Amino acid sequence: DLLRPLGLDVPLDVQMVTVMRSTPMAP
């Protein structure tokens, strides 16, 4: 969004990763 007005572009493919955090458990 910042580079394109300058005539530049980084080829990016936006991916995602799901994250889960539990309550405390025995180690």
mmCIF file of all heavy atoms, coordinates in Angstrom:
data_MODEL
# 
_entry.id   MODEL 
# 
loop_
_atom_site.group_PDB 
_atom_site.id 
_atom_site.type_symbol 
_atom_site.label_atom_id 
_atom_site.label_alt_id 
_atom_site.label_comp_id 
_atom_site.label_asym_id 
_atom_site.label_entity_id 
_atom_site.label_seq_id 
_atom_site.pdbx_PDB_ins_code 
_atom_site.Cartn_x 
_atom_site.Cartn_y 
_atom_site.Cartn_z 
_atom_site.occupancy 
_atom_site.B_iso_or_equiv 
_atom_site.pdbx_formal_charge 
_atom_site.auth_seq_id 
_atom_site.auth_comp_id 
_atom_site.auth_asym_id 
_atom_site.auth_atom_id 
_atom_site.pdbx_PDB_model_num 
ATOM 1   N N   . ASP A 1 1  ? 0.835  -1.203  0.000  1.00 0.00 ? 1  ASP A N   1 
ATOM 2   C CA  . ASP A 1 1  ? 0.000  0.000   0.000  1.00 0.00 ? 1  ASP A CA  1 
ATOM 3   C C   . ASP A 1 1  ? 0.871  1.256   0.000  1.00 0.00 ? 1  ASP A C   1 
ATOM 4   O O   . ASP A 1 1  ? 0.471  2.304   -0.530 1.00 0.00 ? 1  ASP A O   1 
ATOM 5   C CB  . ASP A 1 1  ? -0.923 0.025   1.226  1.00 0.00 ? 1  ASP A CB  1 
ATOM 6   C CG  . ASP A 1 1  ? -1.963 -1.083  1.203  1.00 0.00 ? 1  ASP A CG  1 
ATOM 7   O OD1 . ASP A 1 1  ? -2.192 -1.669  0.119  1.00 0.00 ? 1  ASP A OD1 1 
ATOM 8   O OD2 . ASP A 1 1  ? -2.525 -1.386  2.269  1.00 0.00 ? 1  ASP A OD2 1 
ATOM 9   N N   . LEU A 1 2  ? 2.057  1.157   0.597  1.00 0.00 ? 2  LEU A N   1 
ATOM 10  C CA  . LEU A 1 2  ? 2.981  2.289   0.628  1.00 0.00 ? 2  LEU A CA  1 
ATOM 11  C C   . LEU A 1 2  ? 3.926  2.288   -0.570 1.00 0.00 ? 2  LEU A C   1 
ATOM 12  O O   . LEU A 1 2  ? 4.369  3.359   -1.015 1.00 0.00 ? 2  LEU A O   1 
ATOM 13  C CB  . LEU A 1 2  ? 3.803  2.244   1.926  1.00 0.00 ? 2  LEU A CB  1 
ATOM 14  C CG  . LEU A 1 2  ? 3.001  2.325   3.222  1.00 0.00 ? 2  LEU A CG  1 
ATOM 15  C CD1 . LEU A 1 2  ? 3.902  2.097   4.426  1.00 0.00 ? 2  LEU A CD1 1 
ATOM 16  C CD2 . LEU A 1 2  ? 2.308  3.683   3.332  1.00 0.00 ? 2  LEU A CD2 1 
ATOM 17  N N   . LEU A 1 3  ? 4.239  1.114   -1.102 1.00 0.00 ? 3  LEU A N   1 
ATOM 18  C CA  . LEU A 1 3  ? 5.212  1.024   -2.188 1.00 0.00 ? 3  LEU A CA  1 
ATOM 19  C C   . LEU A 1 3  ? 4.619  1.287   -3.569 1.00 0.00 ? 3  LEU A C   1 
ATOM 20  O O   . LEU A 1 3  ? 5.292  1.843   -4.447 1.00 0.00 ? 3  LEU A O   1 
ATOM 21  C CB  . LEU A 1 3  ? 5.875  -0.353  -2.172 1.00 0.00 ? 3  LEU A CB  1 
ATOM 22  C CG  . LEU A 1 3  ? 6.755  -0.660  -0.952 1.00 0.00 ? 3  LEU A CG  1 
ATOM 23  C CD1 . LEU A 1 3  ? 7.275  -2.096  -1.042 1.00 0.00 ? 3  LEU A CD1 1 
ATOM 24  C CD2 . LEU A 1 3  ? 7.915  0.322   -0.848 1.00 0.00 ? 3  LEU A CD2 1 
ATOM 25  N N   . ARG A 1 4  ? 3.383  0.882   -3.795 1.00 0.00 ? 4  ARG A N   1 
ATOM 26  C CA  . ARG A 1 4  ? 2.811  0.992   -5.146 1.00 0.00 ? 4  ARG A CA  1 
ATOM 27  C C   . ARG A 1 4  ? 2.751  2.431   -5.655 1.00 0.00 ? 4  ARG A C   1 
ATOM 28  O O   . ARG A 1 4  ? 2.983  2.666   -6.847 1.00 0.00 ? 4  ARG A O   1 
ATOM 29  C CB  . ARG A 1 4  ? 1.439  0.327   -5.192 1.00 0.00 ? 4  ARG A CB  1 
ATOM 30  C CG  . ARG A 1 4  ? 1.545  -1.190  -5.185 1.00 0.00 ? 4  ARG A CG  1 
ATOM 31  C CD  . ARG A 1 4  ? 0.222  -1.894  -5.331 1.00 0.00 ? 4  ARG A CD  1 
ATOM 32  N NE  . ARG A 1 4  ? 0.399  -3.330  -5.228 1.00 0.00 ? 4  ARG A NE  1 
ATOM 33  C CZ  . ARG A 1 4  ? -0.228 -4.114  -4.368 1.00 0.00 ? 4  ARG A CZ  1 
ATOM 34  N NH1 . ARG A 1 4  ? -1.117 -3.592  -3.523 1.00 0.00 ? 4  ARG A NH1 1 
ATOM 35  N NH2 . ARG A 1 4  ? 0.007  -5.405  -4.336 1.00 0.00 ? 4  ARG A NH2 1 
ATOM 36  N N   . PRO A 1 5  ? 2.438  3.441   -4.812 1.00 0.00 ? 5  PRO A N   1 
ATOM 37  C CA  . PRO A 1 5  ? 2.489  4.817   -5.331 1.00 0.00 ? 5  PRO A CA  1 
ATOM 38  C C   . PRO A 1 5  ? 3.886  5.234   -5.792 1.00 0.00 ? 5  PRO A C   1 
ATOM 39  O O   . PRO A 1 5  ? 4.023  6.211   -6.532 1.00 0.00 ? 5  PRO A O   1 
ATOM 40  C CB  . PRO A 1 5  ? 2.032  5.660   -4.125 1.00 0.00 ? 5  PRO A CB  1 
ATOM 41  C CG  . PRO A 1 5  ? 1.197  4.724   -3.311 1.00 0.00 ? 5  PRO A CG  1 
ATOM 42  C CD  . PRO A 1 5  ? 1.860  3.389   -3.455 1.00 0.00 ? 5  PRO A CD  1 
ATOM 43  N N   . LEU A 1 6  ? 4.907  4.486   -5.371 1.00 0.00 ? 6  LEU A N   1 
ATOM 44  C CA  . LEU A 1 6  ? 6.281  4.768   -5.786 1.00 0.00 ? 6  LEU A CA  1 
ATOM 45  C C   . LEU A 1 6  ? 6.688  3.922   -6.992 1.00 0.00 ? 6  LEU A C   1 
ATOM 46  O O   . LEU A 1 6  ? 7.840  3.944   -7.413 1.00 0.00 ? 6  LEU A O   1 
ATOM 47  C CB  . LEU A 1 6  ? 7.240  4.479   -4.621 1.00 0.00 ? 6  LEU A CB  1 
ATOM 48  C CG  . LEU A 1 6  ? 6.933  5.195   -3.306 1.00 0.00 ? 6  LEU A CG  1 
ATOM 49  C CD1 . LEU A 1 6  ? 7.873  4.730   -2.207 1.00 0.00 ? 6  LEU A CD1 1 
ATOM 50  C CD2 . LEU A 1 6  ? 7.018  6.708   -3.485 1.00 0.00 ? 6  LEU A CD2 1 
ATOM 51  N N   . GLY A 1 7  ? 5.747  3.126   -7.515 1.00 0.00 ? 7  GLY A N   1 
ATOM 52  C CA  . GLY A 1 7  ? 6.051  2.273   -8.649 1.00 0.00 ? 7  GLY A CA  1 
ATOM 53  C C   . GLY A 1 7  ? 6.746  0.986   -8.281 1.00 0.00 ? 7  GLY A C   1 
ATOM 54  O O   . GLY A 1 7  ? 7.342  0.331   -9.142 1.00 0.00 ? 7  GLY A O   1 
ATOM 55  N N   . LEU A 1 8  ? 6.678  0.586   -7.023 1.00 0.00 ? 8  LEU A N   1 
ATOM 56  C CA  . LEU A 1 8  ? 7.329  -0.634  -6.559 1.00 0.00 ? 8  LEU A CA  1 
ATOM 57  C C   . LEU A 1 8  ? 6.282  -1.614  -6.037 1.00 0.00 ? 8  LEU A C   1 
ATOM 58  O O   . LEU A 1 8  ? 5.201  -1.210  -5.615 1.00 0.00 ? 8  LEU A O   1 
ATOM 59  C CB  . LEU A 1 8  ? 8.333  -0.319  -5.445 1.00 0.00 ? 8  LEU A CB  1 
ATOM 60  C CG  . LEU A 1 8  ? 9.479  0.617   -5.815 1.00 0.00 ? 8  LEU A CG  1 
ATOM 61  C CD1 . LEU A 1 8  ? 10.266 1.010   -4.572 1.00 0.00 ? 8  LEU A CD1 1 
ATOM 62  C CD2 . LEU A 1 8  ? 10.391 -0.022  -6.850 1.00 0.00 ? 8  LEU A CD2 1 
ATOM 63  N N   . ASP A 1 9  ? 6.626  -2.898  -6.054 1.00 0.00 ? 9  ASP A N   1 
ATOM 64  C CA  . ASP A 1 9  ? 5.694  -3.914  -5.593 1.00 0.00 ? 9  ASP A CA  1 
ATOM 65  C C   . ASP A 1 9  ? 6.484  -5.147  -5.174 1.00 0.00 ? 9  ASP A C   1 
ATOM 66  O O   . ASP A 1 9  ? 7.330  -5.631  -5.927 1.00 0.00 ? 9  ASP A O   1 
ATOM 67  C CB  . ASP A 1 9  ? 4.718  -4.278  -6.712 1.00 0.00 ? 9  ASP A CB  1 
ATOM 68  C CG  . ASP A 1 9  ? 3.642  -5.243  -6.246 1.00 0.00 ? 9  ASP A CG  1 
ATOM 69  O OD1 . ASP A 1 9  ? 2.601  -4.763  -5.775 1.00 0.00 ? 9  ASP A OD1 1 
ATOM 70  O OD2 . ASP A 1 9  ? 3.853  -6.455  -6.340 1.00 0.00 ? 9  ASP A OD2 1 
ATOM 71  N N   . VAL A 1 10 ? 6.228  -5.639  -3.975 1.00 0.00 ? 10 VAL A N   1 
ATOM 72  C CA  . VAL A 1 10 ? 6.805  -6.904  -3.515 1.00 0.00 ? 10 VAL A CA  1 
ATOM 73  C C   . VAL A 1 10 ? 5.745  -7.975  -3.715 1.00 0.00 ? 10 VAL A C   1 
ATOM 74  O O   . VAL A 1 10 ? 4.640  -7.841  -3.187 1.00 0.00 ? 10 VAL A O   1 
ATOM 75  C CB  . VAL A 1 10 ? 7.210  -6.827  -2.029 1.00 0.00 ? 10 VAL A CB  1 
ATOM 76  C CG1 . VAL A 1 10 ? 7.699  -8.186  -1.536 1.00 0.00 ? 10 VAL A CG1 1 
ATOM 77  C CG2 . VAL A 1 10 ? 8.282  -5.764  -1.814 1.00 0.00 ? 10 VAL A CG2 1 
ATOM 78  N N   . PRO A 1 11 ? 6.022  -9.029  -4.490 1.00 0.00 ? 11 PRO A N   1 
ATOM 79  C CA  . PRO A 1 11 ? 4.996  -10.060 -4.684 1.00 0.00 ? 11 PRO A CA  1 
ATOM 80  C C   . PRO A 1 11 ? 4.715  -10.806 -3.387 1.00 0.00 ? 11 PRO A C   1 
ATOM 81  O O   . PRO A 1 11 ? 5.560  -11.531 -2.877 1.00 0.00 ? 11 PRO A O   1 
ATOM 82  C CB  . PRO A 1 11 ? 5.612  -10.979 -5.743 1.00 0.00 ? 11 PRO A CB  1 
ATOM 83  C CG  . PRO A 1 11 ? 7.077  -10.740 -5.663 1.00 0.00 ? 11 PRO A CG  1 
ATOM 84  C CD  . PRO A 1 11 ? 7.260  -9.320  -5.215 1.00 0.00 ? 11 PRO A CD  1 
ATOM 85  N N   . LEU A 1 12 ? 3.540  -10.584 -2.839 1.00 0.00 ? 12 LEU A N   1 
ATOM 86  C CA  . LEU A 1 12 ? 3.156  -11.187 -1.562 1.00 0.00 ? 12 LEU A CA  1 
ATOM 87  C C   . LEU A 1 12 ? 1.877  -11.988 -1.724 1.00 0.00 ? 12 LEU A C   1 
ATOM 88  O O   . LEU A 1 12 ? 0.935  -11.548 -2.387 1.00 0.00 ? 12 LEU A O   1 
ATOM 89  C CB  . LEU A 1 12 ? 2.937  -10.118 -0.488 1.00 0.00 ? 12 LEU A CB  1 
ATOM 90  C CG  . LEU A 1 12 ? 4.132  -9.277  -0.066 1.00 0.00 ? 12 LEU A CG  1 
ATOM 91  C CD1 . LEU A 1 12 ? 3.695  -8.231  0.961  1.00 0.00 ? 12 LEU A CD1 1 
ATOM 92  C CD2 . LEU A 1 12 ? 5.247  -10.140 0.484  1.00 0.00 ? 12 LEU A CD2 1 
ATOM 93  N N   . ASP A 1 13 ? 1.844  -13.131 -1.091 1.00 0.00 ? 13 ASP A N   1 
ATOM 94  C CA  . ASP A 1 13 ? 0.643  -13.948 -0.999 1.00 0.00 ? 13 ASP A CA  1 
ATOM 95  C C   . ASP A 1 13 ? 0.312  -14.037 0.487  1.00 0.00 ? 13 ASP A C   1 
ATOM 96  O O   . ASP A 1 13 ? 1.095  -14.580 1.265  1.00 0.00 ? 13 ASP A O   1 
ATOM 97  C CB  . ASP A 1 13 ? 0.909  -15.342 -1.576 1.00 0.00 ? 13 ASP A CB  1 
ATOM 98  C CG  . ASP A 1 13 ? -0.324 -16.230 -1.541 1.00 0.00 ? 13 ASP A CG  1 
ATOM 99  O OD1 . ASP A 1 13 ? -1.445 -15.695 -1.657 1.00 0.00 ? 13 ASP A OD1 1 
ATOM 100 O OD2 . ASP A 1 13 ? -0.169 -17.447 -1.383 1.00 0.00 ? 13 ASP A OD2 1 
ATOM 101 N N   . VAL A 1 14 ? -0.819 -13.464 0.898  1.00 0.00 ? 14 VAL A N   1 
ATOM 102 C CA  . VAL A 1 14 ? -1.147 -13.388 2.319  1.00 0.00 ? 14 VAL A CA  1 
ATOM 103 C C   . VAL A 1 14 ? -1.761 -14.709 2.774  1.00 0.00 ? 14 VAL A C   1 
ATOM 104 O O   . VAL A 1 14 ? -2.794 -15.147 2.267  1.00 0.00 ? 14 VAL A O   1 
ATOM 105 C CB  . VAL A 1 14 ? -2.090 -12.215 2.620  1.00 0.00 ? 14 VAL A CB  1 
ATOM 106 C CG1 . VAL A 1 14 ? -2.386 -12.143 4.113  1.00 0.00 ? 14 VAL A CG1 1 
ATOM 107 C CG2 . VAL A 1 14 ? -1.475 -10.902 2.137  1.00 0.00 ? 14 VAL A CG2 1 
ATOM 108 N N   . GLN A 1 15 ? -1.101 -15.338 3.739  1.00 0.00 ? 15 GLN A N   1 
ATOM 109 C CA  . GLN A 1 15 ? -1.537 -16.596 4.321  1.00 0.00 ? 15 GLN A CA  1 
ATOM 110 C C   . GLN A 1 15 ? -1.849 -16.367 5.806  1.00 0.00 ? 15 GLN A C   1 
ATOM 111 O O   . GLN A 1 15 ? -1.543 -15.303 6.350  1.00 0.00 ? 15 GLN A O   1 
ATOM 112 C CB  . GLN A 1 15 ? -0.444 -17.650 4.174  1.00 0.00 ? 15 GLN A CB  1 
ATOM 113 C CG  . GLN A 1 15 ? -0.042 -17.928 2.729  1.00 0.00 ? 15 GLN A CG  1 
ATOM 114 C CD  . GLN A 1 15 ? -1.009 -18.826 2.014  1.00 0.00 ? 15 GLN A CD  1 
ATOM 115 O OE1 . GLN A 1 15 ? -1.372 -19.886 2.504  1.00 0.00 ? 15 GLN A OE1 1 
ATOM 116 N NE2 . GLN A 1 15 ? -1.461 -18.413 0.838  1.00 0.00 ? 15 GLN A NE2 1 
ATOM 117 N N   . MET A 1 16 ? -2.437 -17.354 6.453  1.00 0.00 ? 16 MET A N   1 
ATOM 118 C CA  . MET A 1 16 ? -2.738 -17.214 7.877  1.00 0.00 ? 16 MET A CA  1 
ATOM 119 C C   . MET A 1 16 ? -2.393 -18.489 8.633  1.00 0.00 ? 16 MET A C   1 
ATOM 120 O O   . MET A 1 16 ? -2.341 -19.575 8.062  1.00 0.00 ? 16 MET A O   1 
ATOM 121 C CB  . MET A 1 16 ? -4.201 -16.834 8.103  1.00 0.00 ? 16 MET A CB  1 
ATOM 122 C CG  . MET A 1 16 ? -5.209 -17.848 7.636  1.00 0.00 ? 16 MET A CG  1 
ATOM 123 S SD  . MET A 1 16 ? -6.926 -17.313 7.955  1.00 0.00 ? 16 MET A SD  1 
ATOM 124 C CE  . MET A 1 16 ? -7.170 -17.950 9.608  1.00 0.00 ? 16 MET A CE  1 
ATOM 125 N N   . VAL A 1 17 ? -2.144 -18.319 9.921  1.00 0.00 ? 17 VAL A N   1 
ATOM 126 C CA  . VAL A 1 17 ? -1.874 -19.427 10.838 1.00 0.00 ? 17 VAL A CA  1 
ATOM 127 C C   . VAL A 1 17 ? -2.777 -19.245 12.053 1.00 0.00 ? 17 VAL A C   1 
ATOM 128 O O   . VAL A 1 17 ? -2.856 -18.150 12.624 1.00 0.00 ? 17 VAL A O   1 
ATOM 129 C CB  . VAL A 1 17 ? -0.401 -19.458 11.279 1.00 0.00 ? 17 VAL A CB  1 
ATOM 130 C CG1 . VAL A 1 17 ? -0.182 -20.472 12.387 1.00 0.00 ? 17 VAL A CG1 1 
ATOM 131 C CG2 . VAL A 1 17 ? 0.503  -19.775 10.090 1.00 0.00 ? 17 VAL A CG2 1 
ATOM 132 N N   . THR A 1 18 ? -3.473 -20.291 12.445 1.00 0.00 ? 18 THR A N   1 
ATOM 133 C CA  . THR A 1 18 ? -4.331 -20.266 13.625 1.00 0.00 ? 18 THR A CA  1 
ATOM 134 C C   . THR A 1 18 ? -3.502 -20.558 14.870 1.00 0.00 ? 18 THR A C   1 
ATOM 135 O O   . THR A 1 18 ? -2.627 -21.422 14.848 1.00 0.00 ? 18 THR A O   1 
ATOM 136 C CB  . THR A 1 18 ? -5.451 -21.308 13.481 1.00 0.00 ? 18 THR A CB  1 
ATOM 137 O OG1 . THR A 1 18 ? -6.332 -20.871 12.440 1.00 0.00 ? 18 THR A OG1 1 
ATOM 138 C CG2 . THR A 1 18 ? -6.242 -21.488 14.768 1.00 0.00 ? 18 THR A CG2 1 
ATOM 139 N N   . VAL A 1 19 ? -3.797 -19.836 15.956 1.00 0.00 ? 19 VAL A N   1 
ATOM 140 C CA  . VAL A 1 19 ? -3.094 -20.012 17.220 1.00 0.00 ? 19 VAL A CA  1 
ATOM 141 C C   . VAL A 1 19 ? -4.117 -20.283 18.320 1.00 0.00 ? 19 VAL A C   1 
ATOM 142 O O   . VAL A 1 19 ? -5.171 -19.641 18.371 1.00 0.00 ? 19 VAL A O   1 
ATOM 143 C CB  . VAL A 1 19 ? -2.255 -18.776 17.597 1.00 0.00 ? 19 VAL A CB  1 
ATOM 144 C CG1 . VAL A 1 19 ? -1.376 -19.072 18.812 1.00 0.00 ? 19 VAL A CG1 1 
ATOM 145 C CG2 . VAL A 1 19 ? -1.415 -18.300 16.418 1.00 0.00 ? 19 VAL A CG2 1 
ATOM 146 N N   . MET A 1 20 ? -3.785 -21.235 19.200 1.00 0.00 ? 20 MET A N   1 
ATOM 147 C CA  . MET A 1 20 ? -4.645 -21.562 20.342 1.00 0.00 ? 20 MET A CA  1 
ATOM 148 C C   . MET A 1 20 ? -3.797 -21.549 21.609 1.00 0.00 ? 20 MET A C   1 
ATOM 149 O O   . MET A 1 20 ? -2.663 -22.031 21.600 1.00 0.00 ? 20 MET A O   1 
ATOM 150 C CB  . MET A 1 20 ? -5.255 -22.950 20.177 1.00 0.00 ? 20 MET A CB  1 
ATOM 151 C CG  . MET A 1 20 ? -5.893 -23.194 18.828 1.00 0.00 ? 20 MET A CG  1 
ATOM 152 S SD  . MET A 1 20 ? -6.560 -24.860 18.667 1.00 0.00 ? 20 MET A SD  1 
ATOM 153 C CE  . MET A 1 20 ? -8.069 -24.664 19.603 1.00 0.00 ? 20 MET A CE  1 
ATOM 154 N N   . ARG A 1 21 ? -4.349 -20.988 22.673 1.00 0.00 ? 21 ARG A N   1 
ATOM 155 C CA  . ARG A 1 21 ? -3.667 -21.012 23.974 1.00 0.00 ? 21 ARG A CA  1 
ATOM 156 C C   . ARG A 1 21 ? -4.614 -21.621 24.997 1.00 0.00 ? 21 ARG A C   1 
ATOM 157 O O   . ARG A 1 21 ? -5.772 -21.215 25.106 1.00 0.00 ? 21 ARG A O   1 
ATOM 158 C CB  . ARG A 1 21 ? -3.252 -19.616 24.402 1.00 0.00 ? 21 ARG A CB  1 
ATOM 159 C CG  . ARG A 1 21 ? -2.504 -19.605 25.748 1.00 0.00 ? 21 ARG A CG  1 
ATOM 160 C CD  . ARG A 1 21 ? -2.212 -18.192 26.214 1.00 0.00 ? 21 ARG A CD  1 
ATOM 161 N NE  . ARG A 1 21 ? -1.084 -17.640 25.530 1.00 0.00 ? 21 ARG A NE  1 
ATOM 162 C CZ  . ARG A 1 21 ? -0.928 -16.342 25.253 1.00 0.00 ? 21 ARG A CZ  1 
ATOM 163 N NH1 . ARG A 1 21 ? -1.883 -15.489 25.559 1.00 0.00 ? 21 ARG A NH1 1 
ATOM 164 N NH2 . ARG A 1 21 ? 0.155  -15.907 24.651 1.00 0.00 ? 21 ARG A NH2 1 
ATOM 165 N N   . SER A 1 22 ? -4.107 -22.584 25.754 1.00 0.00 ? 22 SER A N   1 
ATOM 166 C CA  . SER A 1 22 ? -4.933 -23.284 26.739 1.00 0.00 ? 22 SER A CA  1 
ATOM 167 C C   . SER A 1 22 ? -4.854 -22.618 28.102 1.00 0.00 ? 22 SER A C   1 
ATOM 168 O O   . SER A 1 22 ? -4.042 -21.710 28.333 1.00 0.00 ? 22 SER A O   1 
ATOM 169 C CB  . SER A 1 22 ? -4.480 -24.744 26.861 1.00 0.00 ? 22 SER A CB  1 
ATOM 170 O OG  . SER A 1 22 ? -3.275 -24.826 27.609 1.00 0.00 ? 22 SER A OG  1 
ATOM 171 N N   . THR A 1 23 ? -5.681 -23.083 29.014 1.00 0.00 ? 23 THR A N   1 
ATOM 172 C CA  . THR A 1 23 ? -5.499 -22.742 30.420 1.00 0.00 ? 23 THR A CA  1 
ATOM 173 C C   . THR A 1 23 ? -4.295 -23.522 30.951 1.00 0.00 ? 23 THR A C   1 
ATOM 174 O O   . THR A 1 23 ? -3.838 -24.481 30.316 1.00 0.00 ? 23 THR A O   1 
ATOM 175 C CB  . THR A 1 23 ? -6.762 -23.103 31.222 1.00 0.00 ? 23 THR A CB  1 
ATOM 176 O OG1 . THR A 1 23 ? -7.034 -24.494 31.046 1.00 0.00 ? 23 THR A OG1 1 
ATOM 177 C CG2 . THR A 1 23 ? -7.958 -22.283 30.758 1.00 0.00 ? 23 THR A CG2 1 
ATOM 178 N N   . PRO A 1 24 ? -3.743 -23.158 32.113 1.00 0.00 ? 24 PRO A N   1 
ATOM 179 C CA  . PRO A 1 24 ? -2.565 -23.866 32.637 1.00 0.00 ? 24 PRO A CA  1 
ATOM 180 C C   . PRO A 1 24 ? -2.831 -25.351 32.888 1.00 0.00 ? 24 PRO A C   1 
ATOM 181 O O   . PRO A 1 24 ? -3.905 -25.739 33.348 1.00 0.00 ? 24 PRO A O   1 
ATOM 182 C CB  . PRO A 1 24 ? -2.264 -23.119 33.935 1.00 0.00 ? 24 PRO A CB  1 
ATOM 183 C CG  . PRO A 1 24 ? -2.811 -21.740 33.724 1.00 0.00 ? 24 PRO A CG  1 
ATOM 184 C CD  . PRO A 1 24 ? -4.059 -21.953 32.907 1.00 0.00 ? 24 PRO A CD  1 
ATOM 185 N N   . MET A 1 25 ? -1.820 -26.157 32.578 1.00 0.00 ? 25 MET A N   1 
ATOM 186 C CA  . MET A 1 25 ? -1.881 -27.601 32.793 1.00 0.00 ? 25 MET A CA  1 
ATOM 187 C C   . MET A 1 25 ? -0.561 -28.060 33.413 1.00 0.00 ? 25 MET A C   1 
ATOM 188 O O   . MET A 1 25 ? 0.423  -27.317 33.426 1.00 0.00 ? 25 MET A O   1 
ATOM 189 C CB  . MET A 1 25 ? -2.109 -28.325 31.463 1.00 0.00 ? 25 MET A CB  1 
ATOM 190 C CG  . MET A 1 25 ? -3.415 -27.956 30.776 1.00 0.00 ? 25 MET A CG  1 
ATOM 191 S SD  . MET A 1 25 ? -3.622 -28.827 29.204 1.00 0.00 ? 25 MET A SD  1 
ATOM 192 C CE  . MET A 1 25 ? -3.824 -30.528 29.786 1.00 0.00 ? 25 MET A CE  1 
ATOM 193 N N   . ALA A 1 26 ? -0.564 -29.268 33.920 1.00 0.00 ? 26 ALA A N   1 
ATOM 194 C CA  . ALA A 1 26 ? 0.659  -29.821 34.494 1.00 0.00 ? 26 ALA A CA  1 
ATOM 195 C C   . ALA A 1 26 ? 1.750  -29.865 33.424 1.00 0.00 ? 26 ALA A C   1 
ATOM 196 O O   . ALA A 1 26 ? 1.463  -30.169 32.256 1.00 0.00 ? 26 ALA A O   1 
ATOM 197 C CB  . ALA A 1 26 ? 0.402  -31.229 35.024 1.00 0.00 ? 26 ALA A CB  1 
ATOM 198 N N   . PRO A 1 27 ? 2.988  -29.541 33.781 1.00 0.00 ? 27 PRO A N   1 
ATOM 199 C CA  . PRO A 1 27 ? 4.061  -29.518 32.772 1.00 0.00 ? 27 PRO A CA  1 
ATOM 200 C C   . PRO A 1 27 ? 4.366  -30.913 32.226 1.00 0.00 ? 27 PRO A C   1 
ATOM 201 O O   . PRO A 1 27 ? 4.598  -31.847 32.990 1.00 0.00 ? 27 PRO A O   1 
ATOM 202 C CB  . PRO A 1 27 ? 5.252  -28.950 33.551 1.00 0.00 ? 27 PRO A CB  1 
ATOM 203 C CG  . PRO A 1 27 ? 4.951  -29.187 34.986 1.00 0.00 ? 27 PRO A CG  1 
ATOM 204 C CD  . PRO A 1 27 ? 3.462  -29.150 35.119 1.00 0.00 ? 27 PRO A CD  1 
# 
